Amino acid sequence: MIQEARNDSTGLAMIELVFIACISGTRADCREHSLIYTEMTPMVCMHGAQPALARWVETHPNWRIARWSCQPLRRERSI
């Protein structure tokens, strides 16, 4: 069974913004990264993901984001 970190009384959960970043110009060198947020809903993560990813790319200029998703923090995950 996959467990989620969730506070059922508020509906807030630990949310993970999982993304695949690739070296610009190649798909051969891609890596999974994640940013973890506490006390957030998936919808808030979806709204804040693009600015957060833009900040990440600013500090990693040779990388581009290939795909991303917001999901409850789990022991196992898929994108």
N, C-alpha and C. Protein backbone atom coordinates (compact mmCIF):
# COMPACT_ATOMS: atom_id res chain seq x y z
N MET A 1 0.84 -1.18 0.00
CA MET A 1 0.00 0.00 0.00
C MET A 1 0.89 1.24 0.00
N ILE A 2 0.54 2.22 -0.81
CA ILE A 2 1.28 3.48 -0.86
C ILE A 2 0.65 4.42 0.16
N GLN A 3 1.49 5.04 0.98
CA GLN A 3 1.00 5.94 2.00
C GLN A 3 1.24 7.38 1.60
N GLU A 4 0.28 8.24 1.94
CA GLU A 4 0.40 9.66 1.69
C GLU A 4 0.56 10.38 3.02
N ALA A 5 1.33 11.48 3.01
CA ALA A 5 1.44 12.34 4.18
C ALA A 5 0.31 13.35 4.08
N ARG A 6 -0.72 13.21 4.92
CA ARG A 6 -1.91 14.05 4.79
C ARG A 6 -2.46 14.43 6.15
N ASN A 7 -2.94 15.67 6.25
CA ASN A 7 -3.63 16.13 7.43
C ASN A 7 -5.11 16.16 7.08
N ASP A 8 -5.87 15.13 7.46
CA ASP A 8 -7.26 15.01 7.05
C ASP A 8 -8.16 16.08 7.65
N SER A 9 -7.78 16.68 8.76
CA SER A 9 -8.65 17.69 9.36
C SER A 9 -8.67 18.98 8.55
N THR A 10 -7.61 19.30 7.81
CA THR A 10 -7.57 20.54 7.04
C THR A 10 -7.62 20.30 5.53
N GLY A 11 -7.40 19.07 5.09
CA GLY A 11 -7.34 18.79 3.67
C GLY A 11 -5.99 19.11 3.05
N LEU A 12 -5.06 19.59 3.87
CA LEU A 12 -3.73 19.93 3.37
C LEU A 12 -2.84 18.71 3.45
N ALA A 13 -1.86 18.66 2.57
CA ALA A 13 -0.97 17.51 2.52
C ALA A 13 0.44 17.98 2.22
N MET A 14 1.37 17.08 2.41
CA MET A 14 2.72 17.33 1.91
C MET A 14 2.66 17.02 0.42
N ILE A 15 3.01 18.01 -0.39
CA ILE A 15 2.92 17.90 -1.84
C ILE A 15 4.31 17.92 -2.44
N GLU A 16 4.50 17.09 -3.43
CA GLU A 16 5.78 17.03 -4.13
C GLU A 16 5.60 17.50 -5.57
N LEU A 17 6.37 18.48 -5.94
CA LEU A 17 6.43 18.93 -7.33
C LEU A 17 7.57 18.14 -7.96
N VAL A 18 7.21 17.13 -8.74
CA VAL A 18 8.18 16.23 -9.37
C VAL A 18 8.37 16.70 -10.80
N PHE A 19 9.63 16.83 -11.23
CA PHE A 19 9.87 17.27 -12.60
C PHE A 19 11.08 16.59 -13.20
N ILE A 20 11.03 16.46 -14.51
CA ILE A 20 12.14 15.91 -15.29
C ILE A 20 12.83 17.08 -15.96
N ALA A 21 14.13 17.21 -15.72
CA ALA A 21 14.93 18.27 -16.33
C ALA A 21 15.98 17.62 -17.22
N CYS A 22 16.17 18.23 -18.40
CA CYS A 22 17.13 17.70 -19.37
C CYS A 22 18.14 18.79 -19.71
N ILE A 23 19.38 18.37 -19.98
CA ILE A 23 20.37 19.30 -20.48
C ILE A 23 19.82 19.88 -21.79
N SER A 24 19.89 21.18 -21.94
CA SER A 24 19.37 21.83 -23.15
C SER A 24 19.98 21.20 -24.40
N GLY A 25 19.13 20.92 -25.37
CA GLY A 25 19.58 20.39 -26.66
C GLY A 25 19.69 18.88 -26.72
N THR A 26 19.43 18.18 -25.62
CA THR A 26 19.51 16.72 -25.66
C THR A 26 18.45 16.09 -24.78
N ARG A 27 17.93 14.97 -25.19
CA ARG A 27 17.00 14.20 -24.35
C ARG A 27 17.73 13.02 -23.70
N ALA A 28 18.99 12.86 -24.06
CA ALA A 28 19.75 11.73 -23.54
C ALA A 28 20.14 11.91 -22.08
N ASP A 29 20.28 13.15 -21.64
CA ASP A 29 20.70 13.41 -20.27
C ASP A 29 19.58 14.12 -19.51
N CYS A 30 18.63 13.34 -19.01
CA CYS A 30 17.51 13.87 -18.24
C CYS A 30 17.54 13.27 -16.84
N ARG A 31 17.11 14.07 -15.88
CA ARG A 31 17.12 13.62 -14.49
C ARG A 31 15.83 14.03 -13.79
N GLU A 32 15.41 13.21 -12.84
CA GLU A 32 14.24 13.54 -12.05
C GLU A 32 14.66 14.38 -10.85
N HIS A 33 13.90 15.41 -10.56
CA HIS A 33 14.11 16.28 -9.41
C HIS A 33 12.77 16.47 -8.73
N SER A 34 12.78 16.98 -7.51
CA SER A 34 11.51 17.31 -6.87
C SER A 34 11.71 18.43 -5.86
N LEU A 35 10.63 19.14 -5.65
CA LEU A 35 10.53 20.16 -4.61
C LEU A 35 9.39 19.72 -3.71
N ILE A 36 9.58 19.76 -2.41
CA ILE A 36 8.57 19.28 -1.47
C ILE A 36 8.01 20.47 -0.70
N TYR A 37 6.69 20.51 -0.62
CA TYR A 37 5.99 21.57 0.08
C TYR A 37 5.14 20.97 1.19
N THR A 38 5.04 21.66 2.30
CA THR A 38 4.20 21.19 3.41
C THR A 38 2.92 22.02 3.44
N GLU A 39 1.87 21.42 3.94
CA GLU A 39 0.58 22.08 4.12
C GLU A 39 0.12 22.81 2.87
N MET A 40 -0.04 22.06 1.81
CA MET A 40 -0.46 22.62 0.53
C MET A 40 -1.44 21.66 -0.12
N THR A 41 -2.32 22.21 -0.92
CA THR A 41 -3.23 21.36 -1.70
C THR A 41 -2.62 21.16 -3.09
N PRO A 42 -3.01 20.10 -3.77
CA PRO A 42 -2.50 19.90 -5.13
C PRO A 42 -2.83 21.06 -6.07
N MET A 43 -4.00 21.69 -5.90
CA MET A 43 -4.38 22.80 -6.76
C MET A 43 -3.45 24.00 -6.55
N VAL A 44 -3.09 24.29 -5.32
CA VAL A 44 -2.16 25.39 -5.05
C VAL A 44 -0.80 25.07 -5.67
N CYS A 45 -0.38 23.83 -5.59
CA CYS A 45 0.88 23.42 -6.22
C CYS A 45 0.82 23.64 -7.72
N MET A 46 -0.29 23.25 -8.35
CA MET A 46 -0.43 23.42 -9.80
C MET A 46 -0.32 24.90 -10.19
N HIS A 47 -0.92 25.77 -9.38
CA HIS A 47 -0.88 27.20 -9.68
C HIS A 47 0.51 27.79 -9.46
N GLY A 48 1.25 27.26 -8.51
CA GLY A 48 2.57 27.81 -8.20
C GLY A 48 3.72 27.10 -8.87
N ALA A 49 3.45 26.03 -9.61
CA ALA A 49 4.52 25.22 -10.18
C ALA A 49 5.34 25.98 -11.23
N GLN A 50 4.69 26.66 -12.14
CA GLN A 50 5.44 27.33 -13.21
C GLN A 50 6.41 28.38 -12.67
N PRO A 51 6.00 29.26 -11.74
CA PRO A 51 6.97 30.20 -11.18
C PRO A 51 8.10 29.50 -10.42
N ALA A 52 7.77 28.42 -9.70
CA ALA A 52 8.81 27.68 -8.96
C ALA A 52 9.80 27.04 -9.93
N LEU A 53 9.29 26.48 -11.01
CA LEU A 53 10.17 25.86 -12.00
C LEU A 53 10.99 26.91 -12.75
N ALA A 54 10.41 28.07 -12.99
CA ALA A 54 11.16 29.16 -13.63
C ALA A 54 12.32 29.59 -12.74
N ARG A 55 12.09 29.67 -11.43
CA ARG A 55 13.19 30.02 -10.50
C ARG A 55 14.27 28.94 -10.54
N TRP A 56 13.86 27.67 -10.61
CA TRP A 56 14.84 26.57 -10.66
C TRP A 56 15.68 26.69 -11.93
N VAL A 57 15.04 26.95 -13.06
CA VAL A 57 15.74 27.07 -14.34
C VAL A 57 16.71 28.26 -14.31
N GLU A 58 16.33 29.34 -13.64
CA GLU A 58 17.23 30.50 -13.53
C GLU A 58 18.54 30.12 -12.86
N THR A 59 18.49 29.21 -11.90
CA THR A 59 19.71 28.80 -11.20
C THR A 59 20.38 27.60 -11.86
N HIS A 60 19.74 27.04 -12.88
CA HIS A 60 20.28 25.91 -13.64
C HIS A 60 20.12 26.23 -15.13
N PRO A 61 20.84 27.22 -15.65
CA PRO A 61 20.58 27.73 -17.00
C PRO A 61 20.82 26.75 -18.15
N ASN A 62 21.56 25.71 -17.95
CA ASN A 62 21.81 24.75 -19.04
C ASN A 62 20.76 23.65 -19.10
N TRP A 63 19.75 23.73 -18.23
CA TRP A 63 18.72 22.71 -18.15
C TRP A 63 17.38 23.26 -18.62
N ARG A 64 16.52 22.37 -19.10
CA ARG A 64 15.15 22.74 -19.43
C ARG A 64 14.21 21.71 -18.79
N ILE A 65 13.02 22.13 -18.48
CA ILE A 65 12.03 21.25 -17.87
C ILE A 65 11.30 20.50 -18.98
N ALA A 66 11.34 19.17 -18.92
CA ALA A 66 10.67 18.34 -19.94
C ALA A 66 9.22 18.07 -19.55
N ARG A 67 8.97 17.81 -18.28
CA ARG A 67 7.60 17.59 -17.79
C ARG A 67 7.60 17.69 -16.28
N TRP A 68 6.41 17.87 -15.72
CA TRP A 68 6.28 18.01 -14.27
C TRP A 68 4.88 17.60 -13.83
N SER A 69 4.76 17.33 -12.53
CA SER A 69 3.45 17.04 -11.95
C SER A 69 3.49 17.36 -10.46
N CYS A 70 2.33 17.68 -9.92
CA CYS A 70 2.15 17.87 -8.48
C CYS A 70 1.41 16.66 -7.95
N GLN A 71 1.88 16.10 -6.86
CA GLN A 71 1.24 14.92 -6.31
C GLN A 71 1.50 14.85 -4.82
N PRO A 72 0.63 14.16 -4.09
CA PRO A 72 0.89 13.97 -2.67
C PRO A 72 2.22 13.27 -2.48
N LEU A 73 2.93 13.66 -1.45
CA LEU A 73 4.22 13.03 -1.15
C LEU A 73 3.97 11.56 -0.83
N ARG A 74 4.65 10.69 -1.54
CA ARG A 74 4.48 9.25 -1.38
C ARG A 74 5.84 8.58 -1.31
N ARG A 75 5.84 7.39 -0.81
CA ARG A 75 7.08 6.61 -0.80
C ARG A 75 7.46 6.21 -2.22
N GLU A 76 6.46 5.88 -3.03
CA GLU A 76 6.68 5.53 -4.43
C GLU A 76 5.96 6.56 -5.27
N ARG A 77 6.52 6.91 -6.43
CA ARG A 77 5.88 7.90 -7.27
C ARG A 77 6.13 7.61 -8.72
N SER A 78 5.30 8.18 -9.55
CA SER A 78 5.51 8.12 -11.00
C SER A 78 5.08 9.45 -11.58
N ILE A 79 5.69 9.83 -12.67
CA ILE A 79 5.40 11.12 -13.28
C ILE A 79 4.63 10.93 -14.57
